[in-house]
Amino acid sequence: SVLLAYSRAIYRLADKKDFGCKTVFDIAPALLSPLS
């Protein structure tokens, strides 16, 4: 379930072309949520 929440963030970062390797430290919490 954690992996899927962060998969949503990966999808959004890829859309912005923010490439490279990330960890949970690099991900803004809002990117995990399906909510606006």
ModelCIF file with pLDDT and N, C-alpha, C, O atoms, coordinates in Angstrom:
data_MODEL
#
_entry.id   MODEL 
#
_entity.id                         1 
_entity.type                       polymer 
_entity.pdbx_number_of_molecules   1 
#
_entity_poly.entity_id                      1 
_entity_poly.type                           'polypeptide(L)' 
_entity_poly.nstd_linkage                   no 
_entity_poly.nstd_monomer                   no 
_entity_poly.pdbx_seq_one_letter_code       SVLLAYSRAIYRLADKKDFGCKTVFDIAPALLSPLS 
_entity_poly.pdbx_seq_one_letter_code_can   SVLLAYSRAIYRLADKKDFGCKTVFDIAPALLSPLS 
_entity_poly.pdbx_strand_id                 A 
#
loop_
_entity_poly_seq.entity_id 
_entity_poly_seq.num 
_entity_poly_seq.mon_id 
_entity_poly_seq.hetero 
1 1  SER n 
1 2  VAL n 
1 3  LEU n 
1 4  LEU n 
1 5  ALA n 
1 6  TYR n 
1 7  SER n 
1 8  ARG n 
1 9  ALA n 
1 10 ILE n 
1 11 TYR n 
1 12 ARG n 
1 13 LEU n 
1 14 ALA n 
1 15 ASP n 
1 16 LYS n 
1 17 LYS n 
1 18 ASP n 
1 19 PHE n 
1 20 GLY n 
1 21 CYS n 
1 22 LYS n 
1 23 THR n 
1 24 VAL n 
1 25 PHE n 
1 26 ASP n 
1 27 ILE n 
1 28 ALA n 
1 29 PRO n 
1 30 ALA n 
1 31 LEU n 
1 32 LEU n 
1 33 SER n 
1 34 PRO n 
1 35 LEU n 
1 36 SER n 
#
_struct_asym.id          A 
_struct_asym.entity_id   1 
#
loop_
_ma_qa_metric.id 
_ma_qa_metric.mode 
_ma_qa_metric.name 
_ma_qa_metric.software_group_id 
_ma_qa_metric.type 
1 global pLDDT . pLDDT 
2 local  pLDDT . pLDDT 
#
_ma_qa_metric_global.metric_id      1 
_ma_qa_metric_global.metric_value   97.92 
_ma_qa_metric_global.model_id       1 
_ma_qa_metric_global.ordinal_id     1 
#
loop_
_ma_qa_metric_local.label_asym_id 
_ma_qa_metric_local.label_comp_id 
_ma_qa_metric_local.label_seq_id 
_ma_qa_metric_local.metric_id 
_ma_qa_metric_local.metric_value 
_ma_qa_metric_local.model_id 
_ma_qa_metric_local.ordinal_id 
A SER 1  2 98.00 1 1  
A VAL 2  2 98.00 1 2  
A LEU 3  2 98.00 1 3  
A LEU 4  2 98.00 1 4  
A ALA 5  2 98.00 1 5  
A TYR 6  2 98.00 1 6  
A SER 7  2 98.00 1 7  
A ARG 8  2 98.00 1 8  
A ALA 9  2 98.00 1 9  
A ILE 10 2 98.00 1 10 
A TYR 11 2 98.00 1 11 
A ARG 12 2 98.00 1 12 
A LEU 13 2 98.00 1 13 
A ALA 14 2 98.00 1 14 
A ASP 15 2 98.00 1 15 
A LYS 16 2 98.00 1 16 
A LYS 17 2 98.00 1 17 
A ASP 18 2 98.00 1 18 
A PHE 19 2 98.00 1 19 
A GLY 20 2 98.00 1 20 
A CYS 21 2 98.00 1 21 
A LYS 22 2 98.00 1 22 
A THR 23 2 98.00 1 23 
A VAL 24 2 98.00 1 24 
A PHE 25 2 98.00 1 25 
A ASP 26 2 98.00 1 26 
A ILE 27 2 98.00 1 27 
A ALA 28 2 98.00 1 28 
A PRO 29 2 98.00 1 29 
A ALA 30 2 98.00 1 30 
A LEU 31 2 98.00 1 31 
A LEU 32 2 98.00 1 32 
A SER 33 2 98.00 1 33 
A PRO 34 2 97.00 1 34 
A LEU 35 2 97.00 1 35 
A SER 36 2 97.00 1 36 
#
loop_
_atom_site.group_PDB 
_atom_site.id 
_atom_site.type_symbol 
_atom_site.label_atom_id 
_atom_site.label_alt_id 
_atom_site.label_comp_id 
_atom_site.label_asym_id 
_atom_site.label_entity_id 
_atom_site.label_seq_id 
_atom_site.pdbx_PDB_ins_code 
_atom_site.Cartn_x 
_atom_site.Cartn_y 
_atom_site.Cartn_z 
_atom_site.occupancy 
_atom_site.B_iso_or_equiv 
_atom_site.pdbx_formal_charge 
_atom_site.auth_seq_id 
_atom_site.auth_comp_id 
_atom_site.auth_asym_id 
_atom_site.auth_atom_id 
_atom_site.pdbx_PDB_model_num 
ATOM 1   N N  . SER A 1 1  ? 0.827  -1.210 0.000   1.00 98.00 ? 1  SER A N  1 
ATOM 2   C CA . SER A 1 1  ? 0.000  0.000  0.000   1.00 98.00 ? 1  SER A CA 1 
ATOM 3   C C  . SER A 1 1  ? 0.862  1.260  0.000   1.00 98.00 ? 1  SER A C  1 
ATOM 4   O O  . SER A 1 1  ? 0.507  2.255  -0.631  1.00 98.00 ? 1  SER A O  1 
ATOM 5   N N  . VAL A 1 2  ? 1.988  1.219  0.704   1.00 98.00 ? 2  VAL A N  1 
ATOM 6   C CA . VAL A 1 2  ? 2.927  2.348  0.679   1.00 98.00 ? 2  VAL A CA 1 
ATOM 7   C C  . VAL A 1 2  ? 3.531  2.490  -0.713  1.00 98.00 ? 2  VAL A C  1 
ATOM 8   O O  . VAL A 1 2  ? 3.640  3.599  -1.237  1.00 98.00 ? 2  VAL A O  1 
ATOM 9   N N  . LEU A 1 3  ? 3.918  1.384  -1.302  1.00 98.00 ? 3  LEU A N  1 
ATOM 10  C CA . LEU A 1 3  ? 4.508  1.415  -2.645  1.00 98.00 ? 3  LEU A CA 1 
ATOM 11  C C  . LEU A 1 3  ? 3.560  2.039  -3.662  1.00 98.00 ? 3  LEU A C  1 
ATOM 12  O O  . LEU A 1 3  ? 3.992  2.804  -4.524  1.00 98.00 ? 3  LEU A O  1 
ATOM 13  N N  . LEU A 1 4  ? 2.277  1.718  -3.569  1.00 98.00 ? 4  LEU A N  1 
ATOM 14  C CA . LEU A 1 4  ? 1.330  2.269  -4.536  1.00 98.00 ? 4  LEU A CA 1 
ATOM 15  C C  . LEU A 1 4  ? 1.102  3.764  -4.330  1.00 98.00 ? 4  LEU A C  1 
ATOM 16  O O  . LEU A 1 4  ? 0.972  4.506  -5.304  1.00 98.00 ? 4  LEU A O  1 
ATOM 17  N N  . ALA A 1 5  ? 1.052  4.214  -3.083  1.00 98.00 ? 5  ALA A N  1 
ATOM 18  C CA . ALA A 1 5  ? 0.909  5.652  -2.846  1.00 98.00 ? 5  ALA A CA 1 
ATOM 19  C C  . ALA A 1 5  ? 2.083  6.411  -3.466  1.00 98.00 ? 5  ALA A C  1 
ATOM 20  O O  . ALA A 1 5  ? 1.905  7.471  -4.067  1.00 98.00 ? 5  ALA A O  1 
ATOM 21  N N  . TYR A 1 6  ? 3.280  5.851  -3.310  1.00 98.00 ? 6  TYR A N  1 
ATOM 22  C CA . TYR A 1 6  ? 4.456  6.511  -3.882  1.00 98.00 ? 6  TYR A CA 1 
ATOM 23  C C  . TYR A 1 6  ? 4.544  6.307  -5.394  1.00 98.00 ? 6  TYR A C  1 
ATOM 24  O O  . TYR A 1 6  ? 5.202  7.091  -6.079  1.00 98.00 ? 6  TYR A O  1 
ATOM 25  N N  . SER A 1 7  ? 3.902  5.283  -5.917  1.00 98.00 ? 7  SER A N  1 
ATOM 26  C CA . SER A 1 7  ? 3.838  5.129  -7.372  1.00 98.00 ? 7  SER A CA 1 
ATOM 27  C C  . SER A 1 7  ? 3.089  6.295  -7.999  1.00 98.00 ? 7  SER A C  1 
ATOM 28  O O  . SER A 1 7  ? 3.423  6.745  -9.095  1.00 98.00 ? 7  SER A O  1 
ATOM 29  N N  . ARG A 1 8  ? 2.080  6.776  -7.299  1.00 98.00 ? 8  ARG A N  1 
ATOM 30  C CA . ARG A 1 8  ? 1.342  7.954  -7.771  1.00 98.00 ? 8  ARG A CA 1 
ATOM 31  C C  . ARG A 1 8  ? 2.277  9.158  -7.872  1.00 98.00 ? 8  ARG A C  1 
ATOM 32  O O  . ARG A 1 8  ? 2.215  9.925  -8.833  1.00 98.00 ? 8  ARG A O  1 
ATOM 33  N N  . ALA A 1 9  ? 3.136  9.314  -6.878  1.00 98.00 ? 9  ALA A N  1 
ATOM 34  C CA . ALA A 1 9  ? 4.103  10.410 -6.908  1.00 98.00 ? 9  ALA A CA 1 
ATOM 35  C C  . ALA A 1 9  ? 5.098  10.250 -8.053  1.00 98.00 ? 9  ALA A C  1 
ATOM 36  O O  . ALA A 1 9  ? 5.442  11.228 -8.718  1.00 98.00 ? 9  ALA A O  1 
ATOM 37  N N  . ILE A 1 10 ? 5.559  9.028  -8.285  1.00 98.00 ? 10 ILE A N  1 
ATOM 38  C CA . ILE A 1 10 ? 6.495  8.773  -9.382  1.00 98.00 ? 10 ILE A CA 1 
ATOM 39  C C  . ILE A 1 10 ? 5.869  9.175  -10.718 1.00 98.00 ? 10 ILE A C  1 
ATOM 40  O O  . ILE A 1 10 ? 6.509  9.813  -11.554 1.00 98.00 ? 10 ILE A O  1 
ATOM 41  N N  . TYR A 1 11 ? 4.618  8.792  -10.899 1.00 98.00 ? 11 TYR A N  1 
ATOM 42  C CA . TYR A 1 11 ? 3.903  9.131  -12.130 1.00 98.00 ? 11 TYR A CA 1 
ATOM 43  C C  . TYR A 1 11 ? 3.862  10.648 -12.333 1.00 98.00 ? 11 TYR A C  1 
ATOM 44  O O  . TYR A 1 11 ? 4.057  11.134 -13.447 1.00 98.00 ? 11 TYR A O  1 
ATOM 45  N N  . ARG A 1 12 ? 3.612  11.377 -11.275 1.00 98.00 ? 12 ARG A N  1 
ATOM 46  C CA . ARG A 1 12 ? 3.522  12.840 -11.370 1.00 98.00 ? 12 ARG A CA 1 
ATOM 47  C C  . ARG A 1 12 ? 4.890  13.459 -11.624 1.00 98.00 ? 12 ARG A C  1 
ATOM 48  O O  . ARG A 1 12 ? 5.002  14.410 -12.398 1.00 98.00 ? 12 ARG A O  1 
ATOM 49  N N  . LEU A 1 13 ? 5.926  12.936 -10.986 1.00 98.00 ? 13 LEU A N  1 
ATOM 50  C CA . LEU A 1 13 ? 7.272  13.458 -11.211 1.00 98.00 ? 13 LEU A CA 1 
ATOM 51  C C  . LEU A 1 13 ? 7.728  13.187 -12.642 1.00 98.00 ? 13 LEU A C  1 
ATOM 52  O O  . LEU A 1 13 ? 8.357  14.037 -13.272 1.00 98.00 ? 13 LEU A O  1 
ATOM 53  N N  . ALA A 1 14 ? 7.407  11.999 -13.149 1.00 98.00 ? 14 ALA A N  1 
ATOM 54  C CA . ALA A 1 14 ? 7.784  11.668 -14.525 1.00 98.00 ? 14 ALA A CA 1 
ATOM 55  C C  . ALA A 1 14 ? 7.089  12.602 -15.512 1.00 98.00 ? 14 ALA A C  1 
ATOM 56  O O  . ALA A 1 14 ? 7.671  13.004 -16.520 1.00 98.00 ? 14 ALA A O  1 
ATOM 57  N N  . ASP A 1 15 ? 5.836  12.940 -15.206 1.00 98.00 ? 15 ASP A N  1 
ATOM 58  C CA . ASP A 1 15 ? 5.082  13.850 -16.067 1.00 98.00 ? 15 ASP A CA 1 
ATOM 59  C C  . ASP A 1 15 ? 5.739  15.225 -16.111 1.00 98.00 ? 15 ASP A C  1 
ATOM 60  O O  . ASP A 1 15 ? 5.667  15.924 -17.123 1.00 98.00 ? 15 ASP A O  1 
ATOM 61  N N  . LYS A 1 16 ? 6.382  15.612 -15.003 1.00 98.00 ? 16 LYS A N  1 
ATOM 62  C CA . LYS A 1 16 ? 7.088  16.901 -14.935 1.00 98.00 ? 16 LYS A CA 1 
ATOM 63  C C  . LYS A 1 16 ? 8.532  16.801 -15.412 1.00 98.00 ? 16 LYS A C  1 
ATOM 64  O O  . LYS A 1 16 ? 9.263  17.792 -15.419 1.00 98.00 ? 16 LYS A O  1 
ATOM 65  N N  . LYS A 1 17 ? 8.939  15.589 -15.813 1.00 98.00 ? 17 LYS A N  1 
ATOM 66  C CA . LYS A 1 17 ? 10.315 15.328 -16.249 1.00 98.00 ? 17 LYS A CA 1 
ATOM 67  C C  . LYS A 1 17 ? 11.331 15.573 -15.134 1.00 98.00 ? 17 LYS A C  1 
ATOM 68  O O  . LYS A 1 17 ? 12.456 16.003 -15.386 1.00 98.00 ? 17 LYS A O  1 
ATOM 69  N N  . ASP A 1 18 ? 10.923 15.296 -13.920 1.00 98.00 ? 18 ASP A N  1 
ATOM 70  C CA . ASP A 1 18 ? 11.821 15.392 -12.760 1.00 98.00 ? 18 ASP A CA 1 
ATOM 71  C C  . ASP A 1 18 ? 12.480 14.022 -12.573 1.00 98.00 ? 18 ASP A C  1 
ATOM 72  O O  . ASP A 1 18 ? 12.122 13.257 -11.677 1.00 98.00 ? 18 ASP A O  1 
ATOM 73  N N  . PHE A 1 19 ? 13.455 13.736 -13.448 1.00 98.00 ? 19 PHE A N  1 
ATOM 74  C CA . PHE A 1 19 ? 14.017 12.400 -13.523 1.00 98.00 ? 19 PHE A CA 1 
ATOM 75  C C  . PHE A 1 19 ? 15.091 12.172 -12.459 1.00 98.00 ? 19 PHE A C  1 
ATOM 76  O O  . PHE A 1 19 ? 15.562 13.108 -11.813 1.00 98.00 ? 19 PHE A O  1 
ATOM 77  N N  . GLY A 1 20 ? 15.463 10.895 -12.297 1.00 98.00 ? 20 GLY A N  1 
ATOM 78  C CA . GLY A 1 20 ? 16.497 10.517 -11.345 1.00 98.00 ? 20 GLY A CA 1 
ATOM 79  C C  . GLY A 1 20 ? 15.940 9.606  -10.271 1.00 98.00 ? 20 GLY A C  1 
ATOM 80  O O  . GLY A 1 20 ? 14.754 9.275  -10.257 1.00 98.00 ? 20 GLY A O  1 
ATOM 81  N N  . CYS A 1 21 ? 16.825 9.209  -9.371  1.00 98.00 ? 21 CYS A N  1 
ATOM 82  C CA . CYS A 1 21 ? 16.424 8.337  -8.264  1.00 98.00 ? 21 CYS A CA 1 
ATOM 83  C C  . CYS A 1 21 ? 15.983 9.182  -7.070  1.00 98.00 ? 21 CYS A C  1 
ATOM 84  O O  . CYS A 1 21 ? 16.632 10.170 -6.728  1.00 98.00 ? 21 CYS A O  1 
ATOM 85  N N  . LYS A 1 22 ? 14.902 8.795  -6.454  1.00 98.00 ? 22 LYS A N  1 
ATOM 86  C CA . LYS A 1 22 ? 14.350 9.501  -5.306  1.00 98.00 ? 22 LYS A CA 1 
ATOM 87  C C  . LYS A 1 22 ? 14.256 8.550  -4.115  1.00 98.00 ? 22 LYS A C  1 
ATOM 88  O O  . LYS A 1 22 ? 14.330 7.331  -4.263  1.00 98.00 ? 22 LYS A O  1 
ATOM 89  N N  . THR A 1 23 ? 14.090 9.140  -2.931  1.00 98.00 ? 23 THR A N  1 
ATOM 90  C CA . THR A 1 23 ? 13.699 8.401  -1.738  1.00 98.00 ? 23 THR A CA 1 
ATOM 91  C C  . THR A 1 23 ? 12.475 9.096  -1.154  1.00 98.00 ? 23 THR A C  1 
ATOM 92  O O  . THR A 1 23 ? 12.044 10.129 -1.665  1.00 98.00 ? 23 THR A O  1 
ATOM 93  N N  . VAL A 1 24 ? 11.925 8.545  -0.104  1.00 98.00 ? 24 VAL A N  1 
ATOM 94  C CA . VAL A 1 24 ? 10.748 9.161  0.516   1.00 98.00 ? 24 VAL A CA 1 
ATOM 95  C C  . VAL A 1 24 ? 11.050 10.570 1.009   1.00 98.00 ? 24 VAL A C  1 
ATOM 96  O O  . VAL A 1 24 ? 10.133 11.377 1.160   1.00 98.00 ? 24 VAL A O  1 
ATOM 97  N N  . PHE A 1 25 ? 12.326 10.881 1.265   1.00 98.00 ? 25 PHE A N  1 
ATOM 98  C CA . PHE A 1 25 ? 12.690 12.225 1.723   1.00 98.00 ? 25 PHE A CA 1 
ATOM 99  C C  . PHE A 1 25 ? 12.460 13.283 0.648   1.00 98.00 ? 25 PHE A C  1 
ATOM 100 O O  . PHE A 1 25 ? 12.300 14.462 0.967   1.00 98.00 ? 25 PHE A O  1 
ATOM 101 N N  . ASP A 1 26 ? 12.442 12.883 -0.601  1.00 98.00 ? 26 ASP A N  1 
ATOM 102 C CA . ASP A 1 26 ? 12.362 13.826 -1.715  1.00 98.00 ? 26 ASP A CA 1 
ATOM 103 C C  . ASP A 1 26 ? 10.944 14.089 -2.200  1.00 98.00 ? 26 ASP A C  1 
ATOM 104 O O  . ASP A 1 26 ? 10.737 14.921 -3.083  1.00 98.00 ? 26 ASP A O  1 
ATOM 105 N N  . ILE A 1 27 ? 9.967  13.391 -1.634  1.00 98.00 ? 27 ILE A N  1 
ATOM 106 C CA . ILE A 1 27 ? 8.598  13.436 -2.158  1.00 98.00 ? 27 ILE A CA 1 
ATOM 107 C C  . ILE A 1 27 ? 7.702  14.286 -1.268  1.00 98.00 ? 27 ILE A C  1 
ATOM 108 O O  . ILE A 1 27 ? 7.565  14.016 -0.075  1.00 98.00 ? 27 ILE A O  1 
ATOM 109 N N  . ALA A 1 28 ? 7.093  15.317 -1.852  1.00 98.00 ? 28 ALA A N  1 
ATOM 110 C CA . ALA A 1 28 ? 6.138  16.136 -1.104  1.00 98.00 ? 28 ALA A CA 1 
ATOM 111 C C  . ALA A 1 28 ? 4.903  15.300 -0.772  1.00 98.00 ? 28 ALA A C  1 
ATOM 112 O O  . ALA A 1 28 ? 4.422  14.559 -1.630  1.00 98.00 ? 28 ALA A O  1 
ATOM 113 N N  . PRO A 1 29 ? 4.379  15.400 0.451   1.00 98.00 ? 29 PRO A N  1 
ATOM 114 C CA . PRO A 1 29 ? 3.238  14.562 0.840   1.00 98.00 ? 29 PRO A CA 1 
ATOM 115 C C  . PRO A 1 29 ? 2.035  14.663 -0.092  1.00 98.00 ? 29 PRO A C  1 
ATOM 116 O O  . PRO A 1 29 ? 1.342  13.671 -0.316  1.00 98.00 ? 29 PRO A O  1 
ATOM 117 N N  . ALA A 1 30 ? 1.782  15.848 -0.633  1.00 98.00 ? 30 ALA A N  1 
ATOM 118 C CA . ALA A 1 30 ? 0.613  16.022 -1.495  1.00 98.00 ? 30 ALA A CA 1 
ATOM 119 C C  . ALA A 1 30 ? 0.693  15.162 -2.751  1.00 98.00 ? 30 ALA A C  1 
ATOM 120 O O  . ALA A 1 30 ? -0.338 14.829 -3.335  1.00 98.00 ? 30 ALA A O  1 
ATOM 121 N N  . LEU A 1 31 ? 1.906  14.796 -3.175  1.00 98.00 ? 31 LEU A N  1 
ATOM 122 C CA . LEU A 1 31 ? 2.056  13.987 -4.380  1.00 98.00 ? 31 LEU A CA 1 
ATOM 123 C C  . LEU A 1 31 ? 1.575  12.552 -4.188  1.00 98.00 ? 31 LEU A C  1 
ATOM 124 O O  . LEU A 1 31 ? 1.356  11.831 -5.162  1.00 98.00 ? 31 LEU A O  1 
ATOM 125 N N  . LEU A 1 32 ? 1.413  12.139 -2.932  1.00 98.00 ? 32 LEU A N  1 
ATOM 126 C CA . LEU A 1 32 ? 0.960  10.776 -2.654  1.00 98.00 ? 32 LEU A CA 1 
ATOM 127 C C  . LEU A 1 32 ? -0.546 10.622 -2.773  1.00 98.00 ? 32 LEU A C  1 
ATOM 128 O O  . LEU A 1 32 ? -1.053 9.513  -2.941  1.00 98.00 ? 32 LEU A O  1 
ATOM 129 N N  . SER A 1 33 ? -1.251 11.724 -2.687  1.00 98.00 ? 33 SER A N  1 
ATOM 130 C CA . SER A 1 33 ? -2.710 11.672 -2.546  1.00 98.00 ? 33 SER A CA 1 
ATOM 131 C C  . SER A 1 33 ? -3.428 11.845 -3.878  1.00 98.00 ? 33 SER A C  1 
ATOM 132 O O  . SER A 1 33 ? -2.991 12.621 -4.727  1.00 98.00 ? 33 SER A O  1 
ATOM 133 N N  . PRO A 1 34 ? -4.533 11.119 -4.060  1.00 97.00 ? 34 PRO A N  1 
ATOM 134 C CA . PRO A 1 34 ? -5.365 11.352 -5.242  1.00 97.00 ? 34 PRO A CA 1 
ATOM 135 C C  . PRO A 1 34 ? -6.195 12.633 -5.120  1.00 97.00 ? 34 PRO A C  1 
ATOM 136 O O  . PRO A 1 34 ? -6.789 13.086 -6.099  1.00 97.00 ? 34 PRO A O  1 
ATOM 137 N N  . LEU A 1 35 ? -6.235 13.210 -3.922  1.00 97.00 ? 35 LEU A N  1 
ATOM 138 C CA . LEU A 1 35 ? -7.033 14.423 -3.697  1.00 97.00 ? 35 LEU A CA 1 
ATOM 139 C C  . LEU A 1 35 ? -6.316 15.659 -4.230  1.00 97.00 ? 35 LEU A C  1 
ATOM 140 O O  . LEU A 1 35 ? -5.088 15.694 -4.304  1.00 97.00 ? 35 LEU A O  1 
ATOM 141 N N  . SER A 1 36 ? -7.093 16.665 -4.598  1.00 97.00 ? 36 SER A N  1 
ATOM 142 C CA . SER A 1 36 ? -6.527 17.937 -5.055  1.00 97.00 ? 36 SER A CA 1 
ATOM 143 C C  . SER A 1 36 ? -5.997 18.732 -3.862  1.00 97.00 ? 36 SER A C  1 
ATOM 144 O O  . SER A 1 36 ? -5.479 19.836 -4.036  1.00 97.00 ? 36 SER A O  1 
#
